Amino acid sequence: MFVELLGTTCSNDDDCKDLLHMKCSENKICTCRPHHVIKNNATCASLLGGYCQHDEQCGADNSVCIDNKCQCKAHLKSISIDKCVPTKLGKFCLDILDCEDVLHLSCSDNHQCECKKNHIIVNNSTCLPLLDEYCWFYEKCAPENSVCSFNTCQCKPNYLQRSNNQCIPSN
């Protein structure tokens, strides 16, 4: 049975038992490690992108553990590191403003929110830009081995752009 340790006094991290998610603070109190949240007033859980072994270790709303990483459930997208919400992809729209994510979505001729040109759908929930497309500094780009640099999706260092969706190792 789990013994509540959050908020108890400690002299080092070992005193907090849940070493995966808790630490002993400078004030000598058991607290959650950075990028973790209190769950059930008893333990700490990982936020999106954090390490996990099962769903209960994920603290973001509507998240699950997939491949040892906390991620949004299917057909949901993250709006912050602690919250997943339904996506507008495939939903009815009259214009682009109905699609919410106007940076990556457009309203098609058949009135459905869809990925803009040079963007691809990922996890049935979000659209990510291809190489040479606009991106936010913190956002992922669709191609493997690419990054958002100066608001443009580019290949990582030591990789060369082969097409708008492929980065290959440079020799």
C-alpha atoms as a PDB file:
ATOM      1  CA  MET A   1       0.000   0.000   0.000  1.00  0.00           C
ATOM      2  CA  PHE A   2       1.259   3.496  -0.831  1.00  0.00           C
ATOM      3  CA  VAL A   3       2.253   5.650   2.103  1.00  0.00           C
ATOM      4  CA  GLU A   4       1.640   9.345   1.551  1.00  0.00           C
ATOM      5  CA  LEU A   5       4.971  11.161   1.499  1.00  0.00           C
ATOM      6  CA  LEU A   6       4.196  14.467  -0.211  1.00  0.00           C
ATOM      7  CA  GLY A   7       4.739  17.307   2.207  1.00  0.00           C
ATOM      8  CA  THR A   8       6.531  15.184   4.792  1.00  0.00           C
ATOM      9  CA  THR A   9       9.956  16.194   6.029  1.00  0.00           C
ATOM     10  CA  CYS A  10      13.061  14.601   4.553  1.00  0.00           C
ATOM     11  CA  SER A  11      16.813  14.876   4.734  1.00  0.00           C
ATOM     12  CA  ASN A  12      17.526  13.554   1.217  1.00  0.00           C
ATOM     13  CA  ASP A  13      15.777  12.096  -1.849  1.00  0.00           C
ATOM     14  CA  ASP A  14      15.880   8.559  -0.403  1.00  0.00           C
ATOM     15  CA  ASP A  15      13.456   9.649   2.321  1.00  0.00           C
ATOM     16  CA  CYS A  16      10.794  10.406  -0.306  1.00  0.00           C
ATOM     17  CA  LYS A  17      10.648   6.751  -1.518  1.00  0.00           C
ATOM     18  CA  ASP A  18       9.053   7.467  -4.931  1.00  0.00           C
ATOM     19  CA  LEU A  19      12.466   8.339  -6.410  1.00  0.00           C
ATOM     20  CA  LEU A  20      11.076   8.285  -9.925  1.00  0.00           C
ATOM     21  CA  HIS A  21       8.862  11.317  -9.386  1.00  0.00           C
ATOM     22  CA  MET A  22       9.645  12.830  -5.956  1.00  0.00           C
ATOM     23  CA  LYS A  23      12.596  14.663  -4.480  1.00  0.00           C
ATOM     24  CA  CYS A  24      13.603  16.269  -1.228  1.00  0.00           C
ATOM     25  CA  SER A  25      13.347  20.044  -1.678  1.00  0.00           C
ATOM     26  CA  GLU A  26      15.762  22.667  -0.352  1.00  0.00           C
ATOM     27  CA  ASN A  27      13.209  23.206   2.444  1.00  0.00           C
ATOM     28  CA  LYS A  28      13.559  19.484   3.340  1.00  0.00           C
ATOM     29  CA  ILE A  29      10.006  18.600   2.230  1.00  0.00           C
ATOM     30  CA  CYS A  30       9.081  15.756  -0.170  1.00  0.00           C
ATOM     31  CA  THR A  31       7.850  17.413  -3.388  1.00  0.00           C
ATOM     32  CA  CYS A  32       7.288  16.501  -7.026  1.00  0.00           C
ATOM     33  CA  ARG A  33      10.258  16.690  -9.362  1.00  0.00           C
ATOM     34  CA  PRO A  34      10.139  19.310 -12.153  1.00  0.00           C
ATOM     35  CA  HIS A  35       7.700  18.432 -14.996  1.00  0.00           C
ATOM     36  CA  HIS A  36       5.541  16.359 -12.621  1.00  0.00           C
ATOM     37  CA  VAL A  37       2.242  17.128 -10.881  1.00  0.00           C
ATOM     38  CA  ILE A  38       0.562  15.960  -7.692  1.00  0.00           C
ATOM     39  CA  LYS A  39      -1.929  13.167  -8.395  1.00  0.00           C
ATOM     40  CA  ASN A  40      -4.618  12.003  -5.948  1.00  0.00           C
ATOM     41  CA  ASN A  41      -3.010  14.149  -3.227  1.00  0.00           C
ATOM     42  CA  ALA A  42      -0.584  11.303  -2.680  1.00  0.00           C
ATOM     43  CA  THR A  43       1.956  10.872  -5.459  1.00  0.00           C
ATOM     44  CA  CYS A  44       3.586  12.668  -8.368  1.00  0.00           C
ATOM     45  CA  ALA A  45       2.844  11.926 -12.020  1.00  0.00           C
ATOM     46  CA  SER A  46       4.676  12.812 -15.255  1.00  0.00           C
ATOM     47  CA  LEU A  47       3.415  15.516 -17.563  1.00  0.00           C
ATOM     48  CA  LEU A  48       3.206  15.016 -21.347  1.00  0.00           C
ATOM     49  CA  GLY A  49       6.460  13.699 -22.765  1.00  0.00           C
ATOM     50  CA  GLY A  50       7.602  12.428 -19.378  1.00  0.00           C
ATOM     51  CA  TYR A  51       8.658   8.884 -18.513  1.00  0.00           C
ATOM     52  CA  CYS A  52       6.050   6.348 -17.426  1.00  0.00           C
ATOM     53  CA  GLN A  53       5.526   2.605 -17.120  1.00  0.00           C
ATOM     54  CA  HIS A  54       1.722   2.614 -16.933  1.00  0.00           C
ATOM     55  CA  ASP A  55      -1.191   5.023 -17.425  1.00  0.00           C
ATOM     56  CA  GLU A  56      -1.516   5.854 -13.716  1.00  0.00           C
ATOM     57  CA  GLN A  57       1.912   7.530 -13.814  1.00  0.00           C
ATOM     58  CA  CYS A  58       0.652  10.179 -16.269  1.00  0.00           C
ATOM     59  CA  GLY A  59      -0.696  13.361 -14.714  1.00  0.00           C
ATOM     60  CA  ALA A  60      -1.957  15.352 -17.721  1.00  0.00           C
ATOM     61  CA  ASP A  61      -5.720  15.389 -18.295  1.00  0.00           C
ATOM     62  CA  ASN A  62      -6.721  12.645 -20.791  1.00  0.00           C
ATOM     63  CA  SER A  63      -3.221  11.171 -21.097  1.00  0.00           C
ATOM     64  CA  VAL A  64      -1.954   7.590 -21.256  1.00  0.00           C
ATOM     65  CA  CYS A  65       1.421   5.839 -21.187  1.00  0.00           C
ATOM     66  CA  ILE A  66       2.552   4.779 -24.680  1.00  0.00           C
ATOM     67  CA  ASP A  67       6.083   3.483 -25.273  1.00  0.00           C
ATOM     68  CA  ASN A  68       7.108   4.662 -21.772  1.00  0.00           C
ATOM     69  CA  LYS A  69       6.072   8.246 -22.537  1.00  0.00           C
ATOM     70  CA  CYS A  70       2.991  10.145 -21.338  1.00  0.00           C
ATOM     71  CA  GLN A  71       0.958  11.127 -24.405  1.00  0.00           C
ATOM     72  CA  CYS A  72      -2.551  12.319 -25.223  1.00  0.00           C
ATOM     73  CA  LYS A  73      -5.185   9.639 -25.756  1.00  0.00           C
ATOM     74  CA  ALA A  74      -6.193   8.899 -29.369  1.00  0.00           C
ATOM     75  CA  HIS A  75      -8.059  11.722 -31.171  1.00  0.00           C
ATOM     76  CA  LEU A  76      -6.880  14.254 -28.602  1.00  0.00           C
ATOM     77  CA  LYS A  77      -4.124  16.844 -28.879  1.00  0.00           C
ATOM     78  CA  SER A  78      -2.049  18.656 -26.298  1.00  0.00           C
ATOM     79  CA  ILE A  79      -2.692  22.315 -25.628  1.00  0.00           C
ATOM     80  CA  SER A  80      -0.111  22.424 -22.832  1.00  0.00           C
ATOM     81  CA  ILE A  81       2.141  19.915 -21.076  1.00  0.00           C
ATOM     82  CA  ASP A  82      -0.682  19.101 -18.667  1.00  0.00           C
ATOM     83  CA  LYS A  83      -3.827  19.020 -20.819  1.00  0.00           C
ATOM     84  CA  CYS A  84      -5.185  17.085 -23.799  1.00  0.00           C
ATOM     85  CA  VAL A  85      -8.358  18.180 -25.620  1.00  0.00           C
ATOM     86  CA  PRO A  86     -10.371  16.914 -28.617  1.00  0.00           C
ATOM     87  CA  THR A  87      -8.921  17.847 -31.985  1.00  0.00           C
ATOM     88  CA  LYS A  88     -10.823  19.794 -34.631  1.00  0.00           C
ATOM     89  CA  LEU A  89      -9.445  17.584 -37.423  1.00  0.00           C
ATOM     90  CA  GLY A  90     -12.275  16.180 -39.516  1.00  0.00           C
ATOM     91  CA  LYS A  91     -14.865  18.382 -37.798  1.00  0.00           C
ATOM     92  CA  PHE A  92     -17.358  20.572 -39.670  1.00  0.00           C
ATOM     93  CA  CYS A  93     -16.266  24.118 -40.524  1.00  0.00           C
ATOM     94  CA  LEU A  94     -17.564  27.097 -42.463  1.00  0.00           C
ATOM     95  CA  ASP A  95     -14.209  28.888 -42.570  1.00  0.00           C
ATOM     96  CA  ILE A  96     -10.677  28.530 -41.220  1.00  0.00           C
ATOM     97  CA  LEU A  97     -11.584  30.155 -37.895  1.00  0.00           C
ATOM     98  CA  ASP A  98     -13.796  27.148 -37.087  1.00  0.00           C
ATOM     99  CA  CYS A  99     -10.723  24.925 -37.237  1.00  0.00           C
ATOM    100  CA  GLU A 100      -9.093  26.453 -34.125  1.00  0.00           C
ATOM    101  CA  ASP A 101      -5.455  25.716 -35.086  1.00  0.00           C
ATOM    102  CA  VAL A 102      -5.300  28.146 -38.011  1.00  0.00           C
ATOM    103  CA  LEU A 103      -1.525  27.756 -38.197  1.00  0.00           C
ATOM    104  CA  HIS A 104      -1.737  24.137 -39.378  1.00  0.00           C
ATOM    105  CA  LEU A 105      -5.386  23.533 -40.342  1.00  0.00           C
ATOM    106  CA  SER A 106      -7.586  24.766 -43.139  1.00  0.00           C
ATOM    107  CA  CYS A 107     -11.290  24.445 -43.936  1.00  0.00           C
ATOM    108  CA  SER A 108     -11.693  22.287 -47.033  1.00  0.00           C
ATOM    109  CA  ASP A 109     -14.198  22.763 -49.863  1.00  0.00           C
ATOM    110  CA  ASN A 110     -16.310  19.995 -48.296  1.00  0.00           C
ATOM    111  CA  HIS A 111     -16.355  21.924 -44.988  1.00  0.00           C
ATOM    112  CA  GLN A 112     -14.009  19.775 -42.902  1.00  0.00           C
ATOM    113  CA  CYS A 113     -10.985  20.863 -40.912  1.00  0.00           C
ATOM    114  CA  GLU A 114      -7.901  19.289 -42.480  1.00  0.00           C
ATOM    115  CA  CYS A 115      -4.137  19.721 -42.523  1.00  0.00           C
ATOM    116  CA  LYS A 116      -2.858  22.619 -44.601  1.00  0.00           C
ATOM    117  CA  LYS A 117      -0.701  21.965 -47.630  1.00  0.00           C
ATOM    118  CA  ASN A 118       2.838  20.848 -46.652  1.00  0.00           C
ATOM    119  CA  HIS A 119       1.616  19.557 -43.277  1.00  0.00           C
ATOM    120  CA  ILE A 120       0.863  15.954 -42.351  1.00  0.00           C
ATOM    121  CA  ILE A 121      -1.495  14.395 -39.853  1.00  0.00           C
ATOM    122  CA  VAL A 122       0.086  12.706 -36.834  1.00  0.00           C
ATOM    123  CA  ASN A 123      -1.710  10.365 -34.401  1.00  0.00           C
ATOM    124  CA  ASN A 124      -5.086  11.252 -35.982  1.00  0.00           C
ATOM    125  CA  SER A 125      -5.049  14.350 -33.803  1.00  0.00           C
ATOM    126  CA  THR A 126      -2.705  17.051 -35.000  1.00  0.00           C
ATOM    127  CA  CYS A 127      -0.948  18.412 -38.065  1.00  0.00           C
ATOM    128  CA  LEU A 128       2.792  18.979 -38.147  1.00  0.00           C
ATOM    129  CA  PRO A 129       4.732  21.061 -40.675  1.00  0.00           C
ATOM    130  CA  LEU A 130       7.127  19.569 -43.215  1.00  0.00           C
ATOM    131  CA  LEU A 131      10.595  20.981 -43.945  1.00  0.00           C
ATOM    132  CA  ASP A 132      10.819  24.681 -44.876  1.00  0.00           C
ATOM    133  CA  GLU A 133       7.393  25.367 -43.342  1.00  0.00           C
ATOM    134  CA  TYR A 134       6.627  27.821 -40.528  1.00  0.00           C
ATOM    135  CA  CYS A 135       6.730  26.413 -36.977  1.00  0.00           C
ATOM    136  CA  TRP A 136       6.639  27.682 -33.414  1.00  0.00           C
ATOM    137  CA  PHE A 137      10.005  27.539 -31.630  1.00  0.00           C
ATOM    138  CA  TYR A 138       8.884  24.764 -29.246  1.00  0.00           C
ATOM    139  CA  GLU A 139       6.952  22.683 -31.747  1.00  0.00           C
ATOM    140  CA  LYS A 140       7.837  19.405 -33.381  1.00  0.00           C
ATOM    141  CA  CYS A 141       8.274  19.155 -37.125  1.00  0.00           C
ATOM    142  CA  ALA A 142       6.919  16.121 -38.997  1.00  0.00           C
ATOM    143  CA  PRO A 143      10.089  14.680 -40.592  1.00  0.00           C
ATOM    144  CA  GLU A 144      12.348  12.488 -38.486  1.00  0.00           C
ATOM    145  CA  ASN A 145      15.650  14.201 -37.552  1.00  0.00           C
ATOM    146  CA  SER A 146      14.215  17.696 -38.028  1.00  0.00           C
ATOM    147  CA  VAL A 147      13.792  20.626 -35.633  1.00  0.00           C
ATOM    148  CA  CYS A 148      12.092  23.996 -35.538  1.00  0.00           C
ATOM    149  CA  SER A 149      14.855  26.569 -35.897  1.00  0.00           C
ATOM    150  CA  PHE A 150      14.189  30.276 -36.404  1.00  0.00           C
ATOM    151  CA  ASN A 151      10.495  29.425 -36.930  1.00  0.00           C
ATOM    152  CA  THR A 152      11.215  27.110 -39.866  1.00  0.00           C
ATOM    153  CA  CYS A 153      11.347  23.316 -39.916  1.00  0.00           C
ATOM    154  CA  GLN A 154      14.890  22.271 -40.826  1.00  0.00           C
ATOM    155  CA  CYS A 155      17.043  19.162 -40.691  1.00  0.00           C
ATOM    156  CA  LYS A 156      19.077  18.717 -37.510  1.00  0.00           C
ATOM    157  CA  PRO A 157      22.823  19.387 -37.683  1.00  0.00           C
ATOM    158  CA  ASN A 158      24.682  16.597 -39.514  1.00  0.00           C
ATOM    159  CA  TYR A 159      21.577  15.842 -41.618  1.00  0.00           C
ATOM    160  CA  LEU A 160      20.766  16.989 -45.139  1.00  0.00           C
ATOM    161  CA  GLN A 161      17.362  17.750 -46.615  1.00  0.00           C
ATOM    162  CA  ARG A 162      16.472  15.222 -49.305  1.00  0.00           C
ATOM    163  CA  SER A 163      12.870  16.367 -49.825  1.00  0.00           C
ATOM    164  CA  ASN A 164      10.279  18.334 -47.866  1.00  0.00           C
ATOM    165  CA  ASN A 165       9.730  15.288 -45.641  1.00  0.00           C
ATOM    166  CA  GLN A 166      13.121  13.608 -45.329  1.00  0.00           C
ATOM    167  CA  CYS A 167      16.412  14.381 -43.572  1.00  0.00           C
ATOM    168  CA  ILE A 168      19.276  11.993 -44.267  1.00  0.00           C
ATOM    169  CA  PRO A 169      22.632  11.699 -42.459  1.00  0.00           C
ATOM    170  CA  SER A 170      25.411  13.721 -44.057  1.00  0.00           C
ATOM    171  CA  ASN A 171      28.690  11.954 -44.700  1.00  0.00           C
END
